Amino acid sequence: MGKRLTGNCIIITGAGSGIGRGAAELFADQGARLVLNDLNDGALRETISALGQAEVVAIAGDAADPDHMQSLIDACMDSYGAVNTMFANAGIGGDPVPMLDTSLESWQETLRVNLTGPFIAIKLVAPHMKKQGGGSIICTASVAGLRAGAGPVSYTAAKAGLINLVRQAAYELSGTNIRINAICPGLIETGMTRHIIDGAKQAGAESMLTKMAPIQRIGQPIDIARMAMFLASDESSYVNGQALVVDGGLSSSISIPRGL
């Protein structure tokens, strides 16, 4: 079987760590040509060093800034002649405090990065995809956008908004052959969730985290990267406007896990 993304020109935001790095490594292995973004230049360089001989352009900057997003799209067009996939993955966790303690500044910044950023990506890349006859846009949402209690108020609000942004965009892009979908990860072991996992370990409660989902393990970036690869490939040509949950079954039930 050949490589599944050969010839696919892909932009990934937030590629310096976690899900973004996992996707960059998998996509490169499957033959994609990449334009990578992260706010942290050092982390972005670490990702590049892990990609071997892959075709990669890297530009550090704020993925929620329109000028920077345009520079990523321009780099992909100039380097590869197309943008086949936009993976709007960059995000922040929000201030982990109760709603009544959340500052307006924290609220606005979380929505700016997690919701306005993907909106900018969609708005700027869609005209290029329309001209080339189609493409795939993938946004990293969260189960926190589907259920309460899975994150701070600003994060859950932003991810819920992102899910409906994806649905609305799919509707408005009807007839363009542009597919747009959201991935909703559960608890994935990344820098963003490190404080949760470390806190559970220190409290001797790590097993409680693994038992939260029926599959009984904490997710890894590769679990989300594989779904993103499916959405980037032609295999998902009839998947559009969906919020695809990848959480090991975490959101499938409200029952208390066995053994707790």
C-alpha atoms as a PDB file:
ATOM      1  CA  MET A   1       0.000   0.000   0.000  1.00  0.00           C
ATOM      2  CA  GLY A   2       1.371   3.403  -0.980  1.00  0.00           C
ATOM      3  CA  LYS A   3       1.732   6.392   1.251  1.00  0.00           C
ATOM      4  CA  ARG A   4      -1.668   7.890   1.942  1.00  0.00           C
ATOM      5  CA  LEU A   5      -0.768  11.595   1.724  1.00  0.00           C
ATOM      6  CA  THR A   6       1.693  11.681  -1.169  1.00  0.00           C
ATOM      7  CA  GLY A   7       1.365  15.034  -2.933  1.00  0.00           C
ATOM      8  CA  ASN A   8      -0.867  16.482  -0.231  1.00  0.00           C
ATOM      9  CA  CYS A   9       0.283  20.015   0.681  1.00  0.00           C
ATOM     10  CA  ILE A  10      -0.656  20.624   4.309  1.00  0.00           C
ATOM     11  CA  ILE A  11      -0.504  23.515   6.761  1.00  0.00           C
ATOM     12  CA  ILE A  12      -0.430  22.566  10.458  1.00  0.00           C
ATOM     13  CA  THR A  13      -0.707  25.196  13.169  1.00  0.00           C
ATOM     14  CA  GLY A  14       0.478  24.456  16.690  1.00  0.00           C
ATOM     15  CA  ALA A  15       2.997  21.941  15.319  1.00  0.00           C
ATOM     16  CA  GLY A  16       5.637  22.475  17.998  1.00  0.00           C
ATOM     17  CA  SER A  17       4.256  19.924  20.437  1.00  0.00           C
ATOM     18  CA  GLY A  18       1.433  17.557  21.295  1.00  0.00           C
ATOM     19  CA  ILE A  19      -1.176  16.822  18.653  1.00  0.00           C
ATOM     20  CA  GLY A  20       0.421  19.165  16.112  1.00  0.00           C
ATOM     21  CA  ARG A  21       3.816  17.494  16.370  1.00  0.00           C
ATOM     22  CA  GLY A  22       2.233  14.043  16.227  1.00  0.00           C
ATOM     23  CA  ALA A  23       0.362  15.027  13.076  1.00  0.00           C
ATOM     24  CA  ALA A  24       3.480  16.511  11.475  1.00  0.00           C
ATOM     25  CA  GLU A  25       5.420  13.296  12.067  1.00  0.00           C
ATOM     26  CA  LEU A  26       2.635  11.060  10.758  1.00  0.00           C
ATOM     27  CA  PHE A  27       1.852  13.257   7.754  1.00  0.00           C
ATOM     28  CA  ALA A  28       5.522  13.486   6.793  1.00  0.00           C
ATOM     29  CA  ASP A  29       5.859   9.716   7.047  1.00  0.00           C
ATOM     30  CA  GLN A  30       2.876   9.381   4.712  1.00  0.00           C
ATOM     31  CA  GLY A  31       4.400  11.592   2.018  1.00  0.00           C
ATOM     32  CA  ALA A  32       2.855  15.009   2.718  1.00  0.00           C
ATOM     33  CA  ARG A  33       4.598  18.297   2.014  1.00  0.00           C
ATOM     34  CA  LEU A  34       4.279  20.528   5.052  1.00  0.00           C
ATOM     35  CA  VAL A  35       4.111  24.120   6.195  1.00  0.00           C
ATOM     36  CA  LEU A  36       4.385  24.152   9.974  1.00  0.00           C
ATOM     37  CA  ASN A  37       3.537  26.858  12.481  1.00  0.00           C
ATOM     38  CA  ASP A  38       3.991  27.323  16.194  1.00  0.00           C
ATOM     39  CA  LEU A  39       4.289  30.332  18.471  1.00  0.00           C
ATOM     40  CA  ASN A  40       7.387  28.757  20.036  1.00  0.00           C
ATOM     41  CA  ASP A  41      10.221  28.804  17.502  1.00  0.00           C
ATOM     42  CA  GLY A  42      12.391  26.421  19.540  1.00  0.00           C
ATOM     43  CA  ALA A  43       9.624  23.832  19.786  1.00  0.00           C
ATOM     44  CA  LEU A  44       8.979  24.184  16.071  1.00  0.00           C
ATOM     45  CA  ARG A  45      12.646  23.464  15.327  1.00  0.00           C
ATOM     46  CA  GLU A  46      12.450  20.338  17.498  1.00  0.00           C
ATOM     47  CA  THR A  47       9.544  19.101  15.423  1.00  0.00           C
ATOM     48  CA  ILE A  48      11.447  19.719  12.188  1.00  0.00           C
ATOM     49  CA  SER A  49      14.433  17.773  13.476  1.00  0.00           C
ATOM     50  CA  ALA A  50      12.178  14.758  13.998  1.00  0.00           C
ATOM     51  CA  LEU A  51      10.904  14.752  10.408  1.00  0.00           C
ATOM     52  CA  GLY A  52      13.979  13.486   8.618  1.00  0.00           C
ATOM     53  CA  GLN A  53      14.030  14.225   4.895  1.00  0.00           C
ATOM     54  CA  ALA A  54      10.455  15.468   4.632  1.00  0.00           C
ATOM     55  CA  GLU A  55       9.625  18.574   2.611  1.00  0.00           C
ATOM     56  CA  VAL A  56       8.989  21.203   5.283  1.00  0.00           C
ATOM     57  CA  VAL A  57       8.650  24.959   5.551  1.00  0.00           C
ATOM     58  CA  ALA A  58       8.443  26.319   9.098  1.00  0.00           C
ATOM     59  CA  ILE A  59       7.284  29.770  10.177  1.00  0.00           C
ATOM     60  CA  ALA A  60       6.946  30.695  13.850  1.00  0.00           C
ATOM     61  CA  GLY A  61       4.216  33.118  14.866  1.00  0.00           C
ATOM     62  CA  ASP A  62       0.698  33.668  16.137  1.00  0.00           C
ATOM     63  CA  ALA A  63      -1.787  31.476  14.279  1.00  0.00           C
ATOM     64  CA  ALA A  64      -4.624  33.789  15.341  1.00  0.00           C
ATOM     65  CA  ASP A  65      -3.021  36.775  13.602  1.00  0.00           C
ATOM     66  CA  PRO A  66      -4.431  37.308  10.090  1.00  0.00           C
ATOM     67  CA  ASP A  67      -1.134  38.513   8.642  1.00  0.00           C
ATOM     68  CA  HIS A  68       0.735  35.514   9.985  1.00  0.00           C
ATOM     69  CA  MET A  69      -1.918  33.098   8.742  1.00  0.00           C
ATOM     70  CA  GLN A  70      -1.701  34.688   5.319  1.00  0.00           C
ATOM     71  CA  SER A  71       2.080  34.191   5.379  1.00  0.00           C
ATOM     72  CA  LEU A  72       1.571  30.461   6.027  1.00  0.00           C
ATOM     73  CA  ILE A  73      -0.838  30.159   3.108  1.00  0.00           C
ATOM     74  CA  ASP A  74       1.458  32.178   0.846  1.00  0.00           C
ATOM     75  CA  ALA A  75       4.410  29.967   1.811  1.00  0.00           C
ATOM     76  CA  CYS A  76       2.436  26.825   0.981  1.00  0.00           C
ATOM     77  CA  MET A  77       1.338  28.228  -2.377  1.00  0.00           C
ATOM     78  CA  ASP A  78       4.802  29.514  -3.237  1.00  0.00           C
ATOM     79  CA  SER A  79       6.587  26.322  -2.177  1.00  0.00           C
ATOM     80  CA  TYR A  80       4.147  23.669  -3.360  1.00  0.00           C
ATOM     81  CA  GLY A  81       1.598  25.385  -5.600  1.00  0.00           C
ATOM     82  CA  ALA A  82      -1.463  24.403  -3.577  1.00  0.00           C
ATOM     83  CA  VAL A  83      -3.004  24.107  -0.129  1.00  0.00           C
ATOM     84  CA  ASN A  84      -4.760  20.752  -0.028  1.00  0.00           C
ATOM     85  CA  THR A  85      -5.274  20.590   3.735  1.00  0.00           C
ATOM     86  CA  MET A  86      -5.431  23.175   6.488  1.00  0.00           C
ATOM     87  CA  PHE A  87      -5.115  21.668   9.975  1.00  0.00           C
ATOM     88  CA  ALA A  88      -6.098  24.517  12.310  1.00  0.00           C
ATOM     89  CA  ASN A  89      -4.822  22.863  15.449  1.00  0.00           C
ATOM     90  CA  ALA A  90      -3.235  25.654  17.523  1.00  0.00           C
ATOM     91  CA  GLY A  91      -4.927  26.254  20.852  1.00  0.00           C
ATOM     92  CA  ILE A  92      -4.514  27.147  24.502  1.00  0.00           C
ATOM     93  CA  GLY A  93      -6.114  25.663  27.603  1.00  0.00           C
ATOM     94  CA  GLY A  94      -7.532  28.781  29.201  1.00  0.00           C
ATOM     95  CA  ASP A  95      -7.176  29.902  32.804  1.00  0.00           C
ATOM     96  CA  PRO A  96      -8.008  26.848  34.995  1.00  0.00           C
ATOM     97  CA  VAL A  97     -10.122  28.739  37.510  1.00  0.00           C
ATOM     98  CA  PRO A  98     -13.882  28.833  38.227  1.00  0.00           C
ATOM     99  CA  MET A  99     -16.054  30.939  35.934  1.00  0.00           C
ATOM    100  CA  LEU A 100     -16.577  33.705  38.480  1.00  0.00           C
ATOM    101  CA  ASP A 101     -12.807  34.043  38.898  1.00  0.00           C
ATOM    102  CA  THR A 102     -12.093  34.166  35.158  1.00  0.00           C
ATOM    103  CA  SER A 103     -10.841  37.556  34.023  1.00  0.00           C
ATOM    104  CA  LEU A 104     -12.210  39.215  30.924  1.00  0.00           C
ATOM    105  CA  GLU A 105      -8.672  39.331  29.506  1.00  0.00           C
ATOM    106  CA  SER A 106      -8.235  35.558  29.930  1.00  0.00           C
ATOM    107  CA  TRP A 107     -11.667  34.907  28.418  1.00  0.00           C
ATOM    108  CA  GLN A 108     -10.941  37.063  25.386  1.00  0.00           C
ATOM    109  CA  GLU A 109      -7.492  35.580  24.771  1.00  0.00           C
ATOM    110  CA  THR A 110      -8.771  31.995  24.929  1.00  0.00           C
ATOM    111  CA  LEU A 111     -11.535  32.758  22.431  1.00  0.00           C
ATOM    112  CA  ARG A 112      -9.098  34.679  20.234  1.00  0.00           C
ATOM    113  CA  VAL A 113      -6.731  31.724  19.901  1.00  0.00           C
ATOM    114  CA  ASN A 114      -9.190  28.820  19.998  1.00  0.00           C
ATOM    115  CA  LEU A 115     -12.093  30.249  17.999  1.00  0.00           C
ATOM    116  CA  THR A 116     -11.029  33.364  16.102  1.00  0.00           C
ATOM    117  CA  GLY A 117      -7.815  31.647  14.965  1.00  0.00           C
ATOM    118  CA  PRO A 118      -9.642  28.831  13.153  1.00  0.00           C
ATOM    119  CA  PHE A 119     -12.131  31.351  11.726  1.00  0.00           C
ATOM    120  CA  ILE A 120      -9.226  33.294  10.222  1.00  0.00           C
ATOM    121  CA  ALA A 121      -7.715  30.089   8.831  1.00  0.00           C
ATOM    122  CA  ILE A 122     -10.993  29.099   7.179  1.00  0.00           C
ATOM    123  CA  LYS A 123     -11.664  32.572   5.821  1.00  0.00           C
ATOM    124  CA  LEU A 124      -8.221  32.931   4.266  1.00  0.00           C
ATOM    125  CA  VAL A 125      -7.631  29.429   2.926  1.00  0.00           C
ATOM    126  CA  ALA A 126     -11.085  28.730   1.464  1.00  0.00           C
ATOM    127  CA  PRO A 127     -10.664  31.036  -1.584  1.00  0.00           C
ATOM    128  CA  HIS A 128      -7.473  29.181  -2.565  1.00  0.00           C
ATOM    129  CA  MET A 129      -9.175  25.829  -2.165  1.00  0.00           C
ATOM    130  CA  LYS A 130     -12.135  26.976  -4.245  1.00  0.00           C
ATOM    131  CA  LYS A 131      -9.820  27.961  -7.092  1.00  0.00           C
ATOM    132  CA  GLN A 132      -8.002  24.620  -7.034  1.00  0.00           C
ATOM    133  CA  GLY A 133     -11.248  22.623  -6.954  1.00  0.00           C
ATOM    134  CA  GLY A 134     -11.464  21.621  -3.309  1.00  0.00           C
ATOM    135  CA  GLY A 135      -9.593  20.737  -0.149  1.00  0.00           C
ATOM    136  CA  SER A 136      -9.902  19.654   3.454  1.00  0.00           C
ATOM    137  CA  ILE A 137     -10.024  21.905   6.504  1.00  0.00           C
ATOM    138  CA  ILE A 138      -9.582  20.244   9.888  1.00  0.00           C
ATOM    139  CA  CYS A 139     -10.061  21.998  13.235  1.00  0.00           C
ATOM    140  CA  THR A 140      -9.056  20.689  16.646  1.00  0.00           C
ATOM    141  CA  ALA A 141     -12.064  21.089  18.922  1.00  0.00           C
ATOM    142  CA  SER A 142     -12.624  19.032  22.106  1.00  0.00           C
ATOM    143  CA  VAL A 143     -15.111  16.919  24.010  1.00  0.00           C
ATOM    144  CA  ALA A 144     -15.194  20.021  26.218  1.00  0.00           C
ATOM    145  CA  GLY A 145     -17.175  21.619  23.413  1.00  0.00           C
ATOM    146  CA  LEU A 146     -19.780  18.867  23.705  1.00  0.00           C
ATOM    147  CA  ARG A 147     -20.115  18.445  27.475  1.00  0.00           C
ATOM    148  CA  ALA A 148     -19.663  20.644  30.525  1.00  0.00           C
ATOM    149  CA  GLY A 149     -17.019  19.929  33.139  1.00  0.00           C
ATOM    150  CA  ALA A 150     -14.153  19.025  30.809  1.00  0.00           C
ATOM    151  CA  GLY A 151     -12.262  22.312  30.997  1.00  0.00           C
ATOM    152  CA  PRO A 152     -12.326  25.963  32.065  1.00  0.00           C
ATOM    153  CA  VAL A 153     -15.300  28.051  30.995  1.00  0.00           C
ATOM    154  CA  SER A 154     -13.423  29.999  28.323  1.00  0.00           C
ATOM    155  CA  TYR A 155     -12.024  26.802  26.796  1.00  0.00           C
ATOM    156  CA  THR A 156     -15.364  24.983  26.726  1.00  0.00           C
ATOM    157  CA  ALA A 157     -17.140  28.004  25.242  1.00  0.00           C
ATOM    158  CA  ALA A 158     -14.494  28.414  22.547  1.00  0.00           C
ATOM    159  CA  LYS A 159     -14.543  24.746  21.566  1.00  0.00           C
ATOM    160  CA  ALA A 160     -18.349  24.648  21.479  1.00  0.00           C
ATOM    161  CA  GLY A 161     -18.269  27.696  19.215  1.00  0.00           C
ATOM    162  CA  LEU A 162     -15.638  26.050  17.030  1.00  0.00           C
ATOM    163  CA  ILE A 163     -17.809  22.981  16.483  1.00  0.00           C
ATOM    164  CA  ASN A 164     -20.681  25.104  15.232  1.00  0.00           C
ATOM    165  CA  LEU A 165     -18.305  27.270  13.192  1.00  0.00           C
ATOM    166  CA  VAL A 166     -17.259  24.096  11.374  1.00  0.00           C
ATOM    167  CA  ARG A 167     -20.865  23.126  10.722  1.00  0.00           C
ATOM    168  CA  GLN A 168     -21.776  26.592   9.472  1.00  0.00           C
ATOM    169  CA  ALA A 169     -18.691  26.747   7.268  1.00  0.00           C
ATOM    170  CA  ALA A 170     -19.524  23.378   5.708  1.00  0.00           C
ATOM    171  CA  TYR A 171     -22.999  24.703   4.922  1.00  0.00           C
ATOM    172  CA  GLU A 172     -21.739  27.983   3.442  1.00  0.00           C
ATOM    173  CA  LEU A 173     -19.042  26.237   1.386  1.00  0.00           C
ATOM    174  CA  SER A 174     -21.610  23.926  -0.197  1.00  0.00           C
ATOM    175  CA  GLY A 175     -20.750  23.025  -3.785  1.00  0.00           C
ATOM    176  CA  THR A 176     -17.076  23.997  -3.541  1.00  0.00           C
ATOM    177  CA  ASN A 177     -15.722  20.495  -2.818  1.00  0.00           C
ATOM    178  CA  ILE A 178     -14.163  21.895   0.372  1.00  0.00           C
ATOM    179  CA  ARG A 179     -14.716  19.572   3.295  1.00  0.00           C
ATOM    180  CA  ILE A 180     -14.454  20.946   6.827  1.00  0.00           C
ATOM    181  CA  ASN A 181     -14.583  18.873   9.991  1.00  0.00           C
ATOM    182  CA  ALA A 182     -13.705  19.122  13.657  1.00  0.00           C
ATOM    183  CA  ILE A 183     -11.887  16.541  15.745  1.00  0.00           C
ATOM    184  CA  CYS A 184     -12.983  16.374  19.387  1.00  0.00           C
ATOM    185  CA  PRO A 185     -10.197  14.787  21.460  1.00  0.00           C
ATOM    186  CA  GLY A 186     -10.785  13.469  24.941  1.00  0.00           C
ATOM    187  CA  LEU A 187      -7.987  13.367  27.510  1.00  0.00           C
ATOM    188  CA  ILE A 188      -4.811  13.321  25.424  1.00  0.00           C
ATOM    189  CA  GLU A 189      -1.345  13.317  26.991  1.00  0.00           C
ATOM    190  CA  THR A 190       0.120  16.654  25.884  1.00  0.00           C
ATOM    191  CA  GLY A 191       1.680  19.687  27.495  1.00  0.00           C
ATOM    192  CA  MET A 192      -1.792  21.185  27.858  1.00  0.00           C
ATOM    193  CA  THR A 193      -2.997  18.277  30.007  1.00  0.00           C
ATOM    194  CA  ARG A 194       0.268  17.626  31.839  1.00  0.00           C
ATOM    195  CA  HIS A 195      -0.946  19.346  35.018  1.00  0.00           C
ATOM    196  CA  ILE A 196      -3.994  17.052  35.151  1.00  0.00           C
ATOM    197  CA  ILE A 197      -1.993  13.872  34.671  1.00  0.00           C
ATOM    198  CA  ASP A 198       0.810  14.912  37.037  1.00  0.00           C
ATOM    199  CA  GLY A 199      -1.727  15.962  39.664  1.00  0.00           C
ATOM    200  CA  ALA A 200      -3.424  12.574  39.455  1.00  0.00           C
ATOM    201  CA  LYS A 201      -0.081  10.798  39.789  1.00  0.00           C
ATOM    202  CA  GLN A 202       0.874  12.839  42.851  1.00  0.00           C
ATOM    203  CA  ALA A 203      -2.489  12.051  44.429  1.00  0.00           C
ATOM    204  CA  GLY A 204      -2.119   8.354  43.647  1.00  0.00           C
ATOM    205  CA  ALA A 205      -5.151   8.551  41.409  1.00  0.00           C
ATOM    206  CA  GLU A 206      -3.674   7.919  37.961  1.00  0.00           C
ATOM    207  CA  SER A 207      -5.777   4.773  37.609  1.00  0.00           C
ATOM    208  CA  MET A 208      -8.904   6.911  37.933  1.00  0.00           C
ATOM    209  CA  LEU A 209      -7.897   8.826  34.810  1.00  0.00           C
ATOM    210  CA  THR A 210      -7.324   5.673  32.802  1.00  0.00           C
ATOM    211  CA  LYS A 211     -10.703   4.276  33.908  1.00  0.00           C
ATOM    212  CA  MET A 212     -12.638   7.365  32.859  1.00  0.00           C
ATOM    213  CA  ALA A 213     -12.858   6.084  29.279  1.00  0.00           C
ATOM    214  CA  PRO A 214     -14.099   2.573  28.461  1.00  0.00           C
ATOM    215  CA  ILE A 215     -10.902   1.881  26.527  1.00  0.00           C
ATOM    216  CA  GLN A 216      -9.090   2.453  29.856  1.00  0.00           C
ATOM    217  CA  ARG A 217      -6.047   4.392  28.797  1.00  0.00           C
ATOM    218  CA  ILE A 218      -5.079   8.012  28.323  1.00  0.00           C
ATOM    219  CA  GLY A 219      -4.997   9.073  24.693  1.00  0.00           C
ATOM    220  CA  GLN A 220      -1.796   9.923  22.836  1.00  0.00           C
ATOM    221  CA  PRO A 221      -1.208  12.542  20.119  1.00  0.00           C
ATOM    222  CA  ILE A 222      -0.931   9.789  17.510  1.00  0.00           C
ATOM    223  CA  ASP A 223      -4.574   8.840  18.196  1.00  0.00           C
ATOM    224  CA  ILE A 224      -5.691  12.265  17.029  1.00  0.00           C
ATOM    225  CA  ALA A 225      -3.104  12.447  14.251  1.00  0.00           C
ATOM    226  CA  ARG A 226      -4.539   9.285  12.691  1.00  0.00           C
ATOM    227  CA  MET A 227      -8.005  10.814  12.564  1.00  0.00           C
ATOM    228  CA  ALA A 228      -6.532  13.982  11.049  1.00  0.00           C
ATOM    229  CA  MET A 229      -4.750  11.868   8.427  1.00  0.00           C
ATOM    230  CA  PHE A 230      -8.056  10.221   7.514  1.00  0.00           C
ATOM    231  CA  LEU A 231      -9.713  13.634   7.148  1.00  0.00           C
ATOM    232  CA  ALA A 232      -6.817  14.936   5.041  1.00  0.00           C
ATOM    233  CA  SER A 233      -6.943  11.949   2.704  1.00  0.00           C
ATOM    234  CA  ASP A 234      -9.378  11.094  -0.068  1.00  0.00           C
ATOM    235  CA  GLU A 235     -10.676   8.269   2.122  1.00  0.00           C
ATOM    236  CA  SER A 236     -12.897  10.837   3.876  1.00  0.00           C
ATOM    237  CA  SER A 237     -14.296  12.349   0.669  1.00  0.00           C
ATOM    238  CA  TYR A 238     -17.900  12.017   1.933  1.00  0.00           C
ATOM    239  CA  VAL A 239     -17.257  13.261   5.481  1.00  0.00           C
ATOM    240  CA  ASN A 240     -18.190  16.914   5.910  1.00  0.00           C
ATOM    241  CA  GLY A 241     -19.493  19.243   8.619  1.00  0.00           C
ATOM    242  CA  GLN A 242     -18.878  16.733  11.413  1.00  0.00           C
ATOM    243  CA  ALA A 243     -17.547  16.834  14.957  1.00  0.00           C
ATOM    244  CA  LEU A 244     -15.673  13.529  15.164  1.00  0.00           C
ATOM    245  CA  VAL A 245     -15.062  12.390  18.729  1.00  0.00           C
ATOM    246  CA  VAL A 246     -11.792  10.592  19.497  1.00  0.00           C
ATOM    247  CA  ASP A 247     -11.909   9.997  23.243  1.00  0.00           C
ATOM    248  CA  GLY A 248     -11.749   6.266  23.920  1.00  0.00           C
ATOM    249  CA  GLY A 249     -15.453   6.313  24.737  1.00  0.00           C
ATOM    250  CA  LEU A 250     -15.168   8.989  27.442  1.00  0.00           C
ATOM    251  CA  SER A 251     -18.254  10.889  26.278  1.00  0.00           C
ATOM    252  CA  SER A 252     -20.320   7.815  25.492  1.00  0.00           C
ATOM    253  CA  SER A 253     -21.732   7.440  28.980  1.00  0.00           C
ATOM    254  CA  ILE A 254     -22.402   9.334  32.198  1.00  0.00           C
ATOM    255  CA  SER A 255     -22.009   6.213  34.331  1.00  0.00           C
ATOM    256  CA  ILE A 256     -19.298   5.916  36.957  1.00  0.00           C
ATOM    257  CA  PRO A 257     -16.415   3.789  35.605  1.00  0.00           C
ATOM    258  CA  ARG A 258     -16.123   0.292  37.067  1.00  0.00           C
ATOM    259  CA  GLY A 259     -13.738   0.021  39.964  1.00  0.00           C
ATOM    260  CA  LEU A 260     -14.157   3.617  41.195  1.00  0.00           C
END
